Amino acid sequence: MKGLQITAPGRFRLVDAPDPEPYADEILIKVHVCNSCTHWDLSIWEGYDIFGRPGGAPAYPYAIGGPGHEWAGEVVAAGREVTGVRPGDRVSTGGSGDPRPRPEGAAGPLRPTGGPRYGAYCQYLISRPEAVQVYPPASPHGLGWGEIAMQEMLGCVGQGIVAAGDLTRQRVAVFGMGAAGLMMLQAARFMGPASVTAVDVDPARCEIAAGLGADRVVRPGTPEWDGLAEDEFTVSIDCSGSPRAIESALEHTAGKMVIFSVPSGPFATPTATRRSGTAIQYTRTPNGRTSRFARNLLVSRQVDVRPLLTHQLPLERFDQGIELLQQKRAIKVSFTLW
């Protein structure tokens, strides 16, 4: 099968890799689309650790198929012990369970038999059936492969909603209108808030947020932003990763601040945070991922991800997709595998 391998910062190749073989309790999936994950893909492509850990820089050549993980595909084979999933089902990652873990002490991403485990920038993957969500069959008005592949990220976004708690009649603000922020504001709208405000510096992203149902869009540096009160928001959710954005959110939040993003550096806690008693909470993945919630939001289109899927490219043009993300011309790139 064909797979992507990042060989050094800024360099990649397509390789031929052995087709994975499922165990009796696993399924084999033909991957149709793998969506970009901006922060993760850029960190591997540019050669830095996503979490800023000392000595955490990626090792090259990177694992085949990595760091792809936002995929959608079709089940083409199922082991004899598999129930609930069958060949022909359209699936995406999300559930409780992963492919067989590597044995204790093994080096590298190995399965117990010594066979490789691949990232999702490959034509085939294996999984346990409980680790996927099954989607309705294809139809003219149904979800496309790129939309289904948003399952993984929306499952993570759901954790931000859970961390935010009861949003009934809350004044919610979402900072950062990338893919996560645009999904977060839509999911938050259905939790009963008094209002949802989208915050971003990019006019084009703000326009998308308004079209997806934000009650208000505010750009930092404008008169409207300067007029915000210290207790303007009761719940803020950061999806930007910008230390300055987090500080700005804290300056105008009296209640709870949820940091969904991976901050790109340290941030200061303003005096306003102490005066208002605002709590700061982080989300974590993958434990607790809200996969079923995400699937239902996608199928019902209560969260519409179509405006986020701005580009589609074959895997052979991976470097061009990365460039679009670096220049912020793309929100999500759907890489096709076939």
Protein backbone atom coordinates (compact mmCIF):
# COMPACT_ATOMS: atom_id res chain seq x y z
CA MET A 1 0.00 0.00 0.00
CA LYS A 2 0.96 3.65 -0.40
CA GLY A 3 1.89 5.69 2.65
CA LEU A 4 3.38 9.06 3.52
CA GLN A 5 6.65 9.33 5.41
CA ILE A 6 8.14 12.61 6.61
CA THR A 7 11.88 12.01 6.28
CA ALA A 8 13.20 15.29 7.71
CA PRO A 9 11.79 18.73 8.54
CA GLY A 10 10.19 20.03 5.35
CA ARG A 11 10.74 16.79 3.39
CA PHE A 12 8.57 13.76 2.64
CA ARG A 13 8.29 10.77 0.38
CA LEU A 14 5.62 8.24 -0.58
CA VAL A 15 6.60 4.70 0.30
CA ASP A 16 5.31 1.21 -0.38
CA ALA A 17 4.48 -0.47 2.91
CA PRO A 18 3.12 -3.94 3.69
CA ASP A 19 -0.65 -4.08 3.94
CA PRO A 20 -1.67 -4.46 7.61
CA GLU A 21 -3.37 -7.72 8.58
CA PRO A 22 -6.14 -7.62 11.21
CA TYR A 23 -6.39 -10.01 14.14
CA ALA A 24 -9.57 -11.99 14.71
CA ASP A 25 -11.00 -9.13 16.81
CA GLU A 26 -9.99 -6.31 14.45
CA ILE A 27 -11.18 -4.70 11.23
CA LEU A 28 -9.29 -3.61 8.12
CA ILE A 29 -10.18 -0.16 6.83
CA LYS A 30 -9.58 1.36 3.42
CA VAL A 31 -8.80 5.00 4.17
CA HIS A 32 -10.44 7.38 1.69
CA VAL A 33 -9.55 10.72 3.29
CA CYS A 34 -7.24 11.93 6.04
CA ASN A 35 -7.76 15.54 7.12
CA SER A 36 -4.92 17.76 8.22
CA CYS A 37 -4.44 18.54 11.90
CA THR A 38 -2.84 21.95 11.66
CA HIS A 39 -0.87 22.12 14.90
CA TRP A 40 0.24 18.50 14.90
CA ASP A 41 1.13 18.32 11.20
CA LEU A 42 3.07 21.59 11.31
CA SER A 43 5.02 20.55 14.39
CA ILE A 44 6.25 17.37 12.70
CA TRP A 45 6.83 19.11 9.35
CA GLU A 46 8.78 21.96 10.96
CA GLY A 47 10.66 19.80 13.47
CA TYR A 48 9.48 20.95 16.90
CA ASP A 49 7.64 19.29 19.76
CA ILE A 50 3.95 20.22 19.85
CA PHE A 51 3.99 20.44 23.67
CA GLY A 52 7.33 22.27 23.94
CA ARG A 53 8.94 19.52 26.01
CA PRO A 54 12.75 19.66 26.43
CA GLY A 55 14.30 17.10 24.13
CA GLY A 56 10.91 16.30 22.63
CA ALA A 57 11.73 17.12 19.01
CA PRO A 58 10.51 14.48 16.52
CA ALA A 59 12.84 11.74 15.35
CA TYR A 60 13.20 11.15 11.60
CA PRO A 61 12.30 9.41 9.43
CA TYR A 62 8.92 9.70 11.10
CA ALA A 63 6.58 6.72 11.37
CA ILE A 64 4.90 5.79 8.09
CA GLY A 65 1.50 7.44 7.87
CA GLY A 66 2.22 9.80 10.75
CA PRO A 67 1.07 12.13 12.07
CA GLY A 68 -2.24 11.53 10.27
CA HIS A 69 -5.10 10.67 12.62
CA GLU A 70 -8.25 12.41 11.33
CA TRP A 71 -9.46 9.83 8.83
CA ALA A 72 -12.56 8.32 7.27
CA GLY A 73 -12.79 5.06 5.41
CA GLU A 74 -14.62 1.88 4.52
CA VAL A 75 -14.41 -1.43 6.34
CA VAL A 76 -13.11 -3.99 3.82
CA ALA A 77 -12.52 -6.97 6.12
CA ALA A 78 -13.53 -8.04 9.62
CA GLY A 79 -12.04 -10.74 11.82
CA ARG A 80 -14.14 -13.73 12.81
CA GLU A 81 -14.65 -12.40 16.35
CA VAL A 82 -15.86 -8.95 15.25
CA THR A 83 -19.46 -7.95 15.92
CA GLY A 84 -21.33 -4.71 15.30
CA VAL A 85 -19.18 -3.64 12.35
CA ARG A 86 -19.14 -5.28 8.91
CA PRO A 87 -17.52 -4.84 5.50
CA GLY A 88 -19.01 -1.93 3.61
CA ASP A 89 -19.57 0.23 6.71
CA ARG A 90 -18.34 3.81 6.52
CA VAL A 91 -16.37 4.58 9.67
CA SER A 92 -14.13 7.10 11.37
CA THR A 93 -12.00 6.98 14.47
CA GLY A 94 -13.72 7.46 17.79
CA GLY A 95 -14.72 5.15 20.59
CA SER A 96 -13.24 3.22 23.47
CA GLY A 97 -10.26 1.21 22.41
CA ASP A 98 -7.35 1.26 19.97
CA PRO A 99 -5.53 -1.32 17.88
CA ARG A 100 -3.48 -3.77 19.93
CA PRO A 101 -0.87 -1.89 21.99
CA ARG A 102 2.80 -2.62 21.56
CA PRO A 103 4.26 -5.08 24.07
CA GLU A 104 5.89 -3.83 27.24
CA GLY A 105 9.39 -2.55 26.55
CA ALA A 106 9.11 -2.75 22.76
CA ALA A 107 10.83 0.02 20.83
CA GLY A 108 8.81 1.91 18.26
CA PRO A 109 5.18 1.66 17.23
CA LEU A 110 4.94 -2.16 17.02
CA ARG A 111 2.08 -4.61 17.34
CA PRO A 112 2.69 -7.77 19.41
CA THR A 113 3.54 -9.84 16.32
CA GLY A 114 6.23 -7.34 15.35
CA GLY A 115 4.18 -5.93 12.49
CA PRO A 116 4.03 -2.16 12.06
CA ARG A 117 1.30 0.21 13.18
CA TYR A 118 0.69 2.99 10.71
CA GLY A 119 -0.59 6.54 10.93
CA ALA A 120 -3.62 7.48 8.87
CA TYR A 121 -1.73 8.99 5.92
CA CYS A 122 -1.81 5.43 4.55
CA GLN A 123 -4.23 3.57 2.31
CA TYR A 124 -5.13 0.97 4.94
CA LEU A 125 -5.47 0.90 8.71
CA ILE A 126 -6.46 -1.67 11.31
CA SER A 127 -8.66 -0.97 14.30
CA ARG A 128 -10.80 -2.66 16.87
CA PRO A 129 -14.50 -2.25 16.14
CA GLU A 130 -15.16 -0.42 19.42
CA ALA A 131 -12.62 2.22 18.38
CA VAL A 132 -14.71 3.51 15.45
CA GLN A 133 -18.03 5.21 14.84
CA VAL A 134 -20.23 3.89 12.03
CA TYR A 135 -21.88 6.41 9.69
CA PRO A 136 -24.94 6.11 7.44
CA PRO A 137 -24.44 4.83 3.87
CA ALA A 138 -23.50 7.30 1.18
CA SER A 139 -26.37 9.31 -0.30
CA PRO A 140 -26.69 12.46 -2.44
CA HIS A 141 -27.46 14.57 0.62
CA GLY A 142 -25.38 12.64 3.13
CA LEU A 143 -21.97 13.26 4.65
CA GLY A 144 -18.90 13.16 2.44
CA TRP A 145 -15.64 11.48 3.42
CA GLY A 146 -14.06 14.77 4.48
CA GLU A 147 -16.99 15.53 6.79
CA ILE A 148 -16.85 12.08 8.38
CA ALA A 149 -13.12 12.55 8.95
CA MET A 150 -13.94 15.53 11.21
CA GLN A 151 -15.23 12.99 13.77
CA GLU A 152 -11.91 12.77 15.62
CA MET A 153 -11.44 16.51 16.07
CA LEU A 154 -15.07 17.13 16.94
CA GLY A 155 -14.81 14.39 19.57
CA CYS A 156 -11.96 16.37 21.11
CA VAL A 157 -13.96 19.60 20.84
CA GLY A 158 -16.73 17.90 22.79
CA GLN A 159 -14.34 17.59 25.70
CA GLY A 160 -14.10 21.38 25.75
CA ILE A 161 -17.88 21.55 26.01
CA VAL A 162 -17.85 19.01 28.86
CA ALA A 163 -15.11 20.96 30.66
CA ALA A 164 -17.12 24.18 30.27
CA GLY A 165 -19.99 22.58 32.19
CA ASP A 166 -23.58 23.80 32.22
CA LEU A 167 -23.81 26.57 29.63
CA THR A 168 -27.46 27.38 30.29
CA ARG A 169 -27.87 31.18 30.11
CA GLN A 170 -24.10 31.66 30.17
CA ARG A 171 -22.36 34.39 28.16
CA VAL A 172 -19.90 32.25 26.21
CA ALA A 173 -16.92 33.42 24.18
CA VAL A 174 -14.81 31.23 21.90
CA PHE A 175 -11.35 32.59 21.04
CA GLY A 176 -9.69 31.51 17.80
CA MET A 177 -11.73 30.71 14.70
CA GLY A 178 -9.69 27.88 13.32
CA ALA A 179 -11.32 24.50 12.73
CA ALA A 180 -11.64 23.75 16.46
CA GLY A 181 -13.06 27.17 17.32
CA LEU A 182 -15.60 27.11 14.50
CA MET A 183 -16.84 23.72 15.67
CA MET A 184 -16.73 24.75 19.33
CA LEU A 185 -18.99 27.75 18.82
CA GLN A 186 -21.54 25.61 16.96
CA ALA A 187 -21.55 22.91 19.63
CA ALA A 188 -21.84 25.52 22.38
CA ARG A 189 -24.90 27.09 20.72
CA PHE A 190 -26.91 23.92 21.38
CA MET A 191 -26.14 23.87 25.11
CA GLY A 192 -28.53 26.69 26.01
CA PRO A 193 -26.26 29.73 26.42
CA ALA A 194 -27.55 33.29 26.53
CA SER A 195 -25.07 34.15 23.78
CA VAL A 196 -21.99 32.88 21.98
CA THR A 197 -19.36 35.40 20.89
CA ALA A 198 -16.65 34.51 18.37
CA VAL A 199 -13.28 36.27 18.73
CA ASP A 200 -10.56 36.36 16.07
CA VAL A 201 -8.29 38.89 14.37
CA ASP A 202 -8.91 37.52 10.87
CA PRO A 203 -11.91 39.16 9.13
CA ALA A 204 -12.43 36.15 6.85
CA ARG A 205 -12.57 33.73 9.78
CA CYS A 206 -14.95 36.09 11.58
CA GLU A 207 -17.23 36.08 8.54
CA ILE A 208 -17.34 32.27 8.59
CA ALA A 209 -18.14 32.32 12.32
CA ALA A 210 -21.04 34.70 11.74
CA GLY A 211 -22.37 32.41 9.02
CA LEU A 212 -22.19 29.42 11.37
CA GLY A 213 -24.39 31.05 13.99
CA ALA A 214 -22.26 33.16 16.31
CA ASP A 215 -24.49 35.71 18.06
CA ARG A 216 -21.70 38.25 17.87
CA VAL A 217 -18.24 38.47 16.31
CA VAL A 218 -15.59 40.70 17.87
CA ARG A 219 -12.12 41.47 16.53
CA PRO A 220 -9.40 42.55 19.00
CA GLY A 221 -8.17 46.07 18.36
CA THR A 222 -11.56 47.41 17.29
CA PRO A 223 -13.71 49.94 19.22
CA GLU A 224 -16.16 47.15 20.04
CA TRP A 225 -13.36 45.13 21.62
CA ASP A 226 -12.13 48.13 23.60
CA GLY A 227 -15.63 48.54 25.00
CA LEU A 228 -15.87 45.05 26.49
CA ALA A 229 -16.52 44.92 30.23
CA GLU A 230 -14.35 43.06 32.70
CA ASP A 231 -17.21 40.58 33.24
CA GLU A 232 -18.32 40.50 29.58
CA PHE A 233 -18.18 36.70 29.48
CA THR A 234 -19.01 34.11 32.10
CA VAL A 235 -17.36 31.24 30.18
CA SER A 236 -14.49 31.58 27.72
CA ILE A 237 -12.97 28.76 25.66
CA ASP A 238 -9.60 29.28 24.01
CA CYS A 239 -8.99 27.49 20.72
CA SER A 240 -6.28 29.85 19.47
CA GLY A 241 -3.19 28.72 21.36
CA SER A 242 -2.07 32.35 21.53
CA PRO A 243 -0.81 33.44 24.97
CA ARG A 244 -2.01 36.99 24.26
CA ALA A 245 -5.48 35.73 23.32
CA ILE A 246 -5.66 33.73 26.55
CA GLU A 247 -4.65 36.80 28.56
CA SER A 248 -7.26 38.87 26.72
CA ALA A 249 -9.93 36.28 27.45
CA LEU A 250 -9.05 36.31 31.14
CA GLU A 251 -9.29 40.10 31.23
CA HIS A 252 -12.95 39.88 30.19
CA THR A 253 -14.14 36.66 31.86
CA ALA A 254 -15.82 36.35 35.24
CA GLY A 255 -16.47 32.66 35.81
CA LYS A 256 -14.53 29.94 33.96
CA MET A 257 -11.77 29.84 31.37
CA VAL A 258 -11.33 26.57 29.46
CA ILE A 259 -8.07 26.16 27.55
CA PHE A 260 -8.76 23.70 24.77
CA SER A 261 -5.72 24.74 22.72
CA VAL A 262 -2.06 23.90 23.22
CA PRO A 263 -0.63 27.34 24.17
CA SER A 264 2.44 28.30 22.15
CA GLY A 265 4.10 29.79 25.23
CA PRO A 266 3.53 30.96 28.80
CA PHE A 267 0.80 33.45 29.57
CA ALA A 268 0.25 35.86 32.44
CA THR A 269 -2.79 35.85 34.68
CA PRO A 270 -4.17 39.40 34.84
CA THR A 271 -5.36 41.00 38.06
CA ALA A 272 -8.90 40.93 36.70
CA THR A 273 -8.84 37.13 36.95
CA ARG A 274 -8.17 37.28 40.67
CA ARG A 275 -10.84 39.93 41.24
CA SER A 276 -13.47 37.90 39.40
CA GLY A 277 -12.38 34.55 40.85
CA THR A 278 -12.22 33.01 37.38
CA ALA A 279 -11.23 29.33 37.34
CA ILE A 280 -8.82 28.08 34.66
CA GLN A 281 -9.30 24.55 33.37
CA TYR A 282 -7.57 22.51 30.67
CA THR A 283 -8.97 19.74 28.50
CA ARG A 284 -7.17 16.48 27.86
CA THR A 285 -7.21 13.82 25.14
CA PRO A 286 -7.73 11.01 24.38
CA ASN A 287 -9.32 9.90 27.67
CA GLY A 288 -12.98 10.83 27.77
CA ARG A 289 -13.30 11.75 24.10
CA THR A 290 -16.97 12.41 23.36
CA SER A 291 -17.12 10.34 20.17
CA ARG A 292 -20.82 9.45 20.09
CA PHE A 293 -21.77 13.05 20.80
CA ALA A 294 -19.55 14.16 17.91
CA ARG A 295 -21.05 11.62 15.52
CA ASN A 296 -24.58 12.77 16.30
CA LEU A 297 -23.65 16.42 15.82
CA LEU A 298 -22.18 15.61 12.40
CA VAL A 299 -25.02 13.40 11.19
CA SER A 300 -27.65 15.96 12.25
CA ARG A 301 -25.49 18.79 10.87
CA GLN A 302 -26.00 20.69 14.11
CA VAL A 303 -22.28 21.21 13.60
CA ASP A 304 -21.71 22.00 9.93
CA VAL A 305 -18.08 21.34 9.00
CA ARG A 306 -18.40 21.97 5.26
CA PRO A 307 -17.15 25.60 5.42
CA LEU A 308 -14.06 24.34 7.28
CA LEU A 309 -13.01 21.89 4.55
CA THR A 310 -11.43 24.53 2.37
CA HIS A 311 -9.06 22.40 0.27
CA GLN A 312 -8.76 18.86 -1.07
CA LEU A 313 -5.49 17.48 -2.44
CA PRO A 314 -4.04 14.08 -3.29
CA LEU A 315 -1.51 12.77 -0.78
CA GLU A 316 1.23 13.31 -3.39
CA ARG A 317 0.79 17.06 -2.86
CA PHE A 318 1.19 16.93 0.91
CA ASP A 319 3.81 19.70 0.91
CA GLN A 320 1.44 22.04 -0.92
CA GLY A 321 -1.25 21.36 1.68
CA ILE A 322 1.18 22.14 4.47
CA GLU A 323 2.10 25.42 2.76
CA LEU A 324 -1.58 26.39 2.62
CA LEU A 325 -1.83 25.76 6.38
CA GLN A 326 1.35 27.71 7.10
CA GLN A 327 0.02 30.70 5.16
CA LYS A 328 -3.39 30.35 6.85
CA ARG A 329 -5.03 30.11 3.46
CA ALA A 330 -6.57 26.77 4.44
CA ILE A 331 -8.58 25.83 7.52
CA LYS A 332 -8.59 22.10 6.80
CA VAL A 333 -6.97 20.17 3.97
CA SER A 334 -8.54 16.82 3.04
CA PHE A 335 -5.84 14.56 1.63
CA THR A 336 -7.21 11.81 -0.61
CA LEU A 337 -5.49 8.41 -0.50
CA TRP A 338 -6.75 6.82 -3.71
